[in-house]
Amino acid sequence: MFSYARYINQNGLNPTYVDAFGRTKSVERNQSLQFQKISMNLKGWLFDPKFRYYYFFWTANPNMGEGAQVVLGGYFQYRFDPAFIVTAGVMPVPTTRSTNYTFPNWLRNDNRVMADEFFRGSYSTGIDAQGEILPKLHYRVALTNNLAQLGISAAQLNNGLDTVSGAVWWMPTTGEFGPSNGFGDYEEHEKLATLFGAHFTSSTETAQEQPGVNTIENSQIRLSDGTLLFSPNAFNTSGSITQADYRMAAVNAGMKYRGLYLEGEYYWRWVDDFVVTGGTVPVDDLYDHGYTLRGSVMFVPKRLQGYVTGSHIFGQYGDPSEIALGVNWYPFQRKEVRLNAQALRLDHSPIGSNVLVAQVGGDGWVFNTDLIVQF
């Protein structure tokens, strides 16, 4: 079970922004209280410990009244060998660190740092293989329907089945990086733990298979000013893109030692081979890159953690950035209950939705406080 309640205040954002094509748009600011999310999981093995199952039920209560409020899913898994574990079902596409089974061991509750949110894929149905191929060296490779399937029907998918994503990561010093290789060092490693990783993803995406902006765990291909690539008249010309090829690479390096955690991740994204209808668009391809930095320290062991995250995107249609300062307080000196409070300074955010702390075009301050209960 994972759940949390949230207070969010986005009134510090400017009420409007101007996109890269001169269009003035409203920023959908929000100040509210929400019982934001409930995630219930059922997992175990059947007949043989090598054959495992995992089912989940998610809600996104800020989307109440929309089709994107609830999602059900799961997967089956068979563990042939520690070096070869096969999974089939709904899974995170391993485009970045945050989509490679690291949740819920994050610093910022369930909201990602800006560049991670901008570049990543999401959840889709597929099959993957993973394992430890050499001591301390792990891999995962997945074939999925698309980058983000939650919230769309089978009829909306293209017929390609050509989304391929893979990750390799090496933990040379201790062979581990904490629970689920997550962010932060709540466990306070006595020996220096290190992690180095790389990800690569390729997919052909179409306009009709894009989930709604507010769909649970949604990711959309956007220009660096926040414009949806597949939206009608995206470039303020007569043309609209209906299909494109997406390729993305990411590398990361991190360390944990006695409550101190530092990590950086860099991303590169190429989008090209556009299929255009209704006229023309002014470019043949897109290239964006950027980084995310995370750092945290345990001020009081098992009780109080402080963190800072920073992010910057270098794009063809803007160079947005974000910095966040936050704390996690564990009142029972256990990870099952924590209070998260953070302040974010957004500079022309290219991401946003009902369930995120940011809004597209957001420029200014956002504050949120989350009470998280998980067990």
Protein backbone atom coordinates (compact mmCIF):
# COMPACT_ATOMS: atom_id res chain seq x y z
CA MET A 1 0.00 0.00 0.00
CA PHE A 2 1.25 3.46 -0.91
CA SER A 3 -0.83 6.58 -0.29
CA TYR A 4 -0.45 10.24 0.47
CA ALA A 5 -2.30 13.48 1.11
CA ARG A 6 -1.04 16.75 -0.41
CA TYR A 7 -1.34 20.47 0.05
CA ILE A 8 -0.10 22.36 -2.99
CA ASN A 9 0.17 26.09 -3.68
CA GLN A 10 1.01 27.19 -7.23
CA ASN A 11 -0.20 30.78 -6.81
CA GLY A 12 3.41 31.97 -6.94
CA LEU A 13 3.50 31.16 -10.66
CA ASN A 14 2.87 33.83 -13.27
CA PRO A 15 -0.72 33.47 -14.57
CA THR A 16 0.27 33.38 -18.26
CA TYR A 17 3.24 32.54 -20.45
CA VAL A 18 4.23 33.06 -24.07
CA ASP A 19 5.33 29.96 -25.97
CA ALA A 20 8.16 29.82 -28.50
CA PHE A 21 5.77 30.76 -31.30
CA GLY A 22 4.40 33.93 -29.73
CA ARG A 23 1.13 32.50 -28.41
CA THR A 24 -0.01 33.66 -24.97
CA LYS A 25 -1.39 30.82 -22.85
CA SER A 26 -2.80 30.49 -19.35
CA VAL A 27 -0.98 28.67 -16.57
CA GLU A 28 -3.43 26.37 -14.77
CA ARG A 29 -2.46 27.27 -11.22
CA ASN A 30 -3.79 25.26 -8.31
CA GLN A 31 -4.05 25.69 -4.56
CA SER A 32 -5.83 22.76 -2.96
CA LEU A 33 -5.87 19.86 -0.54
CA GLN A 34 -6.03 16.39 -2.08
CA PHE A 35 -5.94 12.82 -0.90
CA GLN A 36 -3.70 12.51 -3.89
CA LYS A 37 -2.99 8.86 -4.51
CA ILE A 38 -3.71 5.30 -3.42
CA SER A 39 -1.67 2.43 -4.81
CA MET A 40 -2.51 -1.12 -3.68
CA ASN A 41 -0.27 -4.02 -4.66
CA LEU A 42 -0.70 -7.79 -4.51
CA LYS A 43 2.38 -9.89 -5.16
CA GLY A 44 3.74 -13.35 -4.48
CA TRP A 45 4.60 -16.68 -6.10
CA LEU A 46 2.44 -19.58 -7.26
CA PHE A 47 3.41 -23.30 -7.15
CA ASP A 48 7.11 -22.50 -7.61
CA PRO A 49 9.06 -19.55 -6.11
CA LYS A 50 10.48 -18.95 -9.57
CA PHE A 51 7.00 -18.10 -10.92
CA ARG A 52 5.85 -14.76 -9.54
CA TYR A 53 2.93 -12.38 -10.00
CA TYR A 54 2.36 -8.71 -9.28
CA TYR A 55 -0.97 -6.83 -9.51
CA PHE A 56 -1.56 -3.15 -8.82
CA PHE A 57 -4.43 -0.71 -8.42
CA TRP A 58 -3.73 3.03 -8.68
CA THR A 59 -5.83 6.13 -8.21
CA ALA A 60 -5.01 9.72 -9.12
CA ASN A 61 -7.64 11.65 -7.19
CA PRO A 62 -6.88 15.11 -8.68
CA ASN A 63 -8.29 13.60 -11.90
CA MET A 64 -11.59 12.69 -10.24
CA GLY A 65 -14.34 12.68 -12.85
CA GLU A 66 -11.93 11.96 -15.71
CA GLY A 67 -11.12 8.62 -17.32
CA ALA A 68 -7.57 8.93 -16.04
CA GLN A 69 -8.50 8.55 -12.36
CA VAL A 70 -7.96 4.78 -11.92
CA VAL A 71 -5.69 2.20 -13.52
CA LEU A 72 -5.33 -1.56 -13.01
CA GLY A 73 -2.39 -3.64 -14.17
CA GLY A 74 0.22 -6.20 -13.34
CA TYR A 75 2.75 -8.68 -14.67
CA PHE A 76 3.94 -12.28 -14.51
CA GLN A 77 7.58 -13.18 -13.99
CA TYR A 78 9.71 -16.33 -14.22
CA ARG A 79 13.18 -16.44 -12.69
CA PHE A 80 15.16 -18.90 -14.79
CA ASP A 81 18.44 -17.78 -13.28
CA PRO A 82 19.79 -14.69 -11.46
CA ALA A 83 21.21 -13.66 -14.83
CA PHE A 84 17.95 -14.25 -16.75
CA ILE A 85 14.60 -13.17 -15.30
CA VAL A 86 11.71 -12.75 -17.76
CA THR A 87 8.72 -10.50 -17.07
CA ALA A 88 5.55 -10.03 -19.17
CA GLY A 89 2.82 -7.48 -18.49
CA VAL A 90 2.53 -3.80 -17.59
CA MET A 91 5.94 -2.43 -16.69
CA PRO A 92 7.94 0.80 -16.52
CA VAL A 93 9.92 1.37 -19.71
CA PRO A 94 13.57 1.67 -18.52
CA THR A 95 14.26 5.04 -20.15
CA THR A 96 15.81 6.70 -17.08
CA ARG A 97 16.74 5.89 -13.47
CA SER A 98 13.26 6.76 -12.21
CA THR A 99 11.54 4.31 -14.60
CA ASN A 100 13.69 1.34 -13.64
CA TYR A 101 11.86 0.09 -10.52
CA THR A 102 13.33 2.70 -8.14
CA PHE A 103 9.95 3.91 -6.81
CA PRO A 104 8.95 4.55 -3.99
CA ASN A 105 12.48 5.21 -2.73
CA TRP A 106 12.61 8.78 -4.02
CA LEU A 107 13.45 12.06 -2.30
CA ARG A 108 10.54 14.12 -3.65
CA ASN A 109 7.78 11.63 -2.88
CA ASP A 110 6.39 10.65 -6.31
CA ASN A 111 7.25 13.76 -8.36
CA ARG A 112 10.25 13.63 -10.64
CA VAL A 113 12.84 16.32 -11.28
CA MET A 114 11.98 18.44 -14.34
CA ALA A 115 14.41 17.04 -16.94
CA ASP A 116 13.67 13.46 -15.91
CA GLU A 117 9.93 14.11 -16.36
CA PHE A 118 10.54 15.81 -19.73
CA PHE A 119 12.71 13.13 -21.34
CA ARG A 120 11.41 9.86 -19.85
CA GLY A 121 9.01 7.22 -21.09
CA SER A 122 6.34 5.73 -18.84
CA TYR A 123 4.45 2.45 -18.33
CA SER A 124 3.52 0.15 -21.19
CA THR A 125 2.68 -3.51 -21.80
CA GLY A 126 5.54 -5.67 -22.95
CA ILE A 127 8.14 -8.27 -22.13
CA ASP A 128 11.58 -7.79 -20.63
CA ALA A 129 14.65 -9.70 -19.54
CA GLN A 130 16.85 -8.64 -16.66
CA GLY A 131 19.50 -9.99 -14.35
CA GLU A 132 23.02 -9.85 -12.98
CA ILE A 133 25.24 -10.87 -15.89
CA LEU A 134 28.52 -10.39 -14.01
CA PRO A 135 29.18 -9.72 -10.33
CA LYS A 136 27.82 -6.22 -9.55
CA LEU A 137 26.82 -5.65 -13.21
CA HIS A 138 23.09 -5.70 -14.06
CA TYR A 139 21.02 -5.27 -17.20
CA ARG A 140 17.41 -4.90 -18.30
CA VAL A 141 16.05 -4.84 -21.86
CA ALA A 142 12.36 -4.41 -22.73
CA LEU A 143 10.13 -4.64 -25.82
CA THR A 144 6.86 -2.75 -25.29
CA ASN A 145 3.84 -1.44 -27.20
CA ASN A 146 4.89 2.21 -26.93
CA LEU A 147 6.42 4.71 -24.52
CA ALA A 148 3.25 5.32 -22.48
CA GLN A 149 0.21 3.05 -22.73
CA LEU A 150 -1.79 3.78 -19.57
CA GLY A 151 -4.99 5.56 -20.53
CA ILE A 152 -5.25 4.49 -24.17
CA SER A 153 -7.05 1.58 -25.84
CA ALA A 154 -5.59 -1.22 -27.97
CA ALA A 155 -7.26 0.35 -31.01
CA GLN A 156 -5.13 3.47 -30.59
CA LEU A 157 -1.80 1.62 -30.70
CA ASN A 158 0.19 1.50 -33.91
CA ASN A 159 0.97 -1.95 -35.31
CA GLY A 160 4.73 -1.66 -35.04
CA LEU A 161 5.53 -3.17 -31.61
CA ASP A 162 8.89 -1.46 -32.01
CA THR A 163 9.56 0.28 -28.69
CA VAL A 164 12.88 -1.06 -27.41
CA SER A 165 14.49 0.18 -24.21
CA GLY A 166 17.47 -1.05 -22.25
CA ALA A 167 19.58 -0.24 -19.22
CA VAL A 168 22.85 -1.42 -17.73
CA TRP A 169 24.14 -0.45 -14.30
CA TRP A 170 27.27 -1.26 -12.35
CA MET A 171 27.70 -1.00 -8.58
CA PRO A 172 31.45 -1.56 -8.22
CA THR A 173 32.09 -0.88 -4.53
CA THR A 174 29.33 -2.63 -2.56
CA GLY A 175 27.28 -4.38 -5.24
CA GLU A 176 24.11 -2.58 -4.10
CA PHE A 177 22.72 0.96 -3.88
CA GLY A 178 20.09 0.70 -1.18
CA PRO A 179 16.47 -0.50 -1.49
CA SER A 180 15.47 -0.65 -5.19
CA ASN A 181 18.61 1.39 -6.00
CA GLY A 182 16.61 4.45 -4.98
CA PHE A 183 17.49 8.09 -4.27
CA GLY A 184 18.87 9.24 -0.92
CA ASP A 185 20.78 7.40 1.81
CA TYR A 186 18.26 6.85 4.58
CA GLU A 187 20.08 3.58 5.38
CA GLU A 188 23.36 5.48 5.99
CA HIS A 189 25.87 3.23 4.23
CA GLU A 190 28.96 2.48 6.33
CA LYS A 191 30.91 1.73 3.15
CA LEU A 192 30.91 3.94 0.07
CA ALA A 193 28.20 2.74 -2.34
CA THR A 194 28.52 3.73 -5.98
CA LEU A 195 26.36 3.29 -9.07
CA PHE A 196 27.04 3.97 -12.76
CA GLY A 197 24.40 3.39 -15.42
CA ALA A 198 23.33 3.95 -19.00
CA HIS A 199 19.96 3.79 -20.79
CA PHE A 200 18.89 3.84 -24.44
CA THR A 201 15.39 3.85 -25.93
CA SER A 202 13.97 3.84 -29.46
CA SER A 203 10.30 4.08 -30.44
CA THR A 204 8.00 5.08 -33.29
CA GLU A 205 5.19 7.17 -31.79
CA THR A 206 1.92 8.29 -33.36
CA ALA A 207 -0.52 11.04 -32.43
CA GLN A 208 -3.43 8.69 -31.78
CA GLU A 209 -1.53 6.56 -29.24
CA GLN A 210 -0.61 9.46 -26.95
CA PRO A 211 -2.30 9.29 -23.53
CA GLY A 212 -4.13 12.27 -22.12
CA VAL A 213 -2.06 14.93 -20.39
CA ASN A 214 -3.55 14.00 -17.00
CA THR A 215 -3.39 10.21 -17.41
CA ILE A 216 -1.70 8.37 -14.51
CA GLU A 217 2.09 8.28 -14.98
CA ASN A 218 1.57 9.89 -18.38
CA SER A 219 4.54 11.04 -20.44
CA GLN A 220 4.22 13.03 -23.64
CA ILE A 221 6.75 14.15 -26.22
CA ARG A 222 6.98 17.92 -25.84
CA LEU A 223 9.01 20.76 -27.30
CA SER A 224 11.23 22.46 -24.74
CA ASP A 225 8.66 25.27 -24.33
CA GLY A 226 6.07 22.69 -23.24
CA THR A 227 4.17 22.45 -26.55
CA LEU A 228 2.91 18.92 -27.25
CA LEU A 229 4.62 17.62 -30.39
CA PHE A 230 1.47 15.90 -31.66
CA SER A 231 -0.96 18.74 -30.88
CA PRO A 232 -2.70 20.35 -33.86
CA ASN A 233 -0.74 23.32 -35.23
CA ALA A 234 2.05 22.74 -32.70
CA PHE A 235 4.51 24.99 -34.55
CA ASN A 236 1.91 27.68 -35.35
CA THR A 237 2.01 26.69 -39.00
CA SER A 238 -0.53 24.83 -41.08
CA GLY A 239 1.01 21.41 -40.44
CA SER A 240 0.51 18.83 -37.71
CA ILE A 241 2.80 15.89 -36.92
CA THR A 242 1.03 12.52 -36.77
CA GLN A 243 4.07 10.21 -36.44
CA ALA A 244 7.68 10.57 -35.31
CA ASP A 245 10.67 8.47 -34.32
CA TYR A 246 11.95 8.98 -30.76
CA ARG A 247 15.42 8.04 -29.54
CA MET A 248 16.76 8.86 -26.10
CA ALA A 249 19.95 8.10 -24.17
CA ALA A 250 20.80 8.74 -20.53
CA VAL A 251 23.83 8.16 -18.31
CA ASN A 252 24.05 8.46 -14.54
CA ALA A 253 26.53 8.25 -11.68
CA GLY A 254 25.90 8.37 -7.95
CA MET A 255 27.29 7.70 -4.48
CA LYS A 256 26.02 7.10 -0.95
CA TYR A 257 28.02 7.29 2.26
CA ARG A 258 26.91 7.74 5.89
CA GLY A 259 23.71 9.57 5.02
CA LEU A 260 25.19 11.66 2.21
CA TYR A 261 23.84 11.06 -1.28
CA LEU A 262 24.92 12.67 -4.58
CA GLU A 263 23.86 11.74 -8.11
CA GLY A 264 23.79 13.23 -11.59
CA GLU A 265 21.98 12.10 -14.73
CA TYR A 266 22.36 13.46 -18.27
CA TYR A 267 19.88 12.99 -21.12
CA TRP A 268 19.94 13.29 -24.91
CA ARG A 269 16.82 13.07 -27.09
CA TRP A 270 16.40 12.95 -30.87
CA VAL A 271 12.99 13.12 -32.56
CA ASP A 272 12.76 12.90 -36.37
CA ASP A 273 11.19 11.15 -39.39
CA PHE A 274 8.06 13.26 -39.05
CA VAL A 275 4.85 12.37 -40.85
CA VAL A 276 3.03 15.68 -41.39
CA THR A 277 -0.55 16.37 -42.44
CA GLY A 278 -2.37 19.57 -43.31
CA GLY A 279 0.65 21.55 -44.44
CA THR A 280 4.24 21.95 -43.25
CA VAL A 281 6.30 22.24 -40.08
CA PRO A 282 9.46 24.39 -39.89
CA VAL A 283 11.90 21.63 -38.82
CA ASP A 284 12.86 18.13 -39.92
CA ASP A 285 14.04 16.97 -36.50
CA LEU A 286 14.39 17.93 -32.85
CA TYR A 287 17.40 17.62 -30.56
CA ASP A 288 17.25 18.37 -26.84
CA HIS A 289 19.56 17.52 -23.97
CA GLY A 290 19.74 18.28 -20.28
CA TYR A 291 20.63 17.11 -16.81
CA THR A 292 19.32 16.37 -13.34
CA LEU A 293 21.30 16.70 -10.10
CA ARG A 294 20.19 15.26 -6.76
CA GLY A 295 21.74 15.54 -3.33
CA SER A 296 20.62 14.74 0.20
CA VAL A 297 21.92 14.38 3.74
CA MET A 298 20.52 12.79 6.89
CA PHE A 299 20.60 15.66 9.39
CA VAL A 300 19.22 13.39 12.12
CA PRO A 301 19.67 9.63 11.55
CA LYS A 302 16.40 7.83 10.73
CA ARG A 303 14.40 11.01 11.42
CA LEU A 304 15.27 14.11 9.33
CA GLN A 305 16.59 14.32 5.77
CA GLY A 306 17.27 17.43 3.71
CA TYR A 307 17.67 17.49 -0.06
CA VAL A 308 18.24 19.69 -3.06
CA THR A 309 17.57 18.91 -6.72
CA GLY A 310 18.41 20.90 -9.82
CA SER A 311 17.62 20.49 -13.48
CA HIS A 312 18.21 22.24 -16.81
CA ILE A 313 17.09 21.48 -20.36
CA PHE A 314 18.85 22.84 -23.44
CA GLY A 315 16.30 22.78 -26.25
CA GLN A 316 15.51 24.21 -29.64
CA TYR A 317 12.52 26.10 -28.23
CA GLY A 318 13.75 27.22 -24.83
CA ASP A 319 16.13 26.39 -21.99
CA PRO A 320 13.90 25.76 -18.95
CA SER A 321 15.27 25.00 -15.49
CA GLU A 322 14.19 24.08 -11.97
CA ILE A 323 15.63 23.99 -8.48
CA ALA A 324 14.00 22.46 -5.41
CA LEU A 325 14.75 22.45 -1.69
CA GLY A 326 13.00 20.01 0.59
CA VAL A 327 12.95 17.97 3.78
CA ASN A 328 11.65 14.54 4.74
CA TRP A 329 10.66 14.02 8.38
CA TYR A 330 10.17 10.45 9.64
CA PRO A 331 8.24 10.83 12.93
CA PHE A 332 8.42 7.12 13.84
CA GLN A 333 12.04 6.68 12.69
CA ARG A 334 10.82 4.33 9.97
CA LYS A 335 10.30 4.84 6.24
CA GLU A 336 6.63 3.78 6.32
CA VAL A 337 5.46 7.25 7.40
CA ARG A 338 7.03 10.54 6.40
CA LEU A 339 6.17 14.19 5.96
CA ASN A 340 7.65 15.81 2.86
CA ALA A 341 7.80 19.58 2.38
CA GLN A 342 9.46 21.34 -0.53
CA ALA A 343 9.76 24.61 -2.41
CA LEU A 344 10.43 24.67 -6.15
CA ARG A 345 11.61 27.56 -8.31
CA LEU A 346 10.47 26.97 -11.89
CA ASP A 347 11.82 28.81 -14.91
CA HIS A 348 9.43 28.30 -17.86
CA SER A 349 8.55 24.70 -17.01
CA PRO A 350 7.93 22.46 -20.06
CA ILE A 351 6.04 19.87 -17.97
CA GLY A 352 2.84 19.85 -15.96
CA SER A 353 -0.51 18.20 -15.23
CA ASN A 354 -3.12 17.84 -12.50
CA VAL A 355 -0.98 15.33 -10.61
CA LEU A 356 2.43 17.02 -10.94
CA VAL A 357 3.77 19.83 -8.77
CA ALA A 358 4.66 21.83 -11.90
CA GLN A 359 2.47 23.37 -14.59
CA VAL A 360 3.36 23.88 -18.25
CA GLY A 361 4.77 27.38 -18.70
CA GLY A 362 5.17 27.78 -14.94
CA ASP A 363 7.54 30.58 -13.96
CA GLY A 364 7.86 31.29 -10.24
CA TRP A 365 7.48 29.42 -6.96
CA VAL A 366 5.55 26.29 -6.02
CA PHE A 367 5.15 24.92 -2.49
CA ASN A 368 3.80 21.53 -1.50
CA THR A 369 3.56 19.35 1.60
CA ASP A 370 2.84 15.61 1.41
CA LEU A 371 2.00 13.14 4.17
CA ILE A 372 3.01 9.69 2.90
CA VAL A 373 1.99 6.32 4.34
CA GLN A 374 3.33 3.10 2.82
CA PHE A 375 3.47 -0.47 4.07
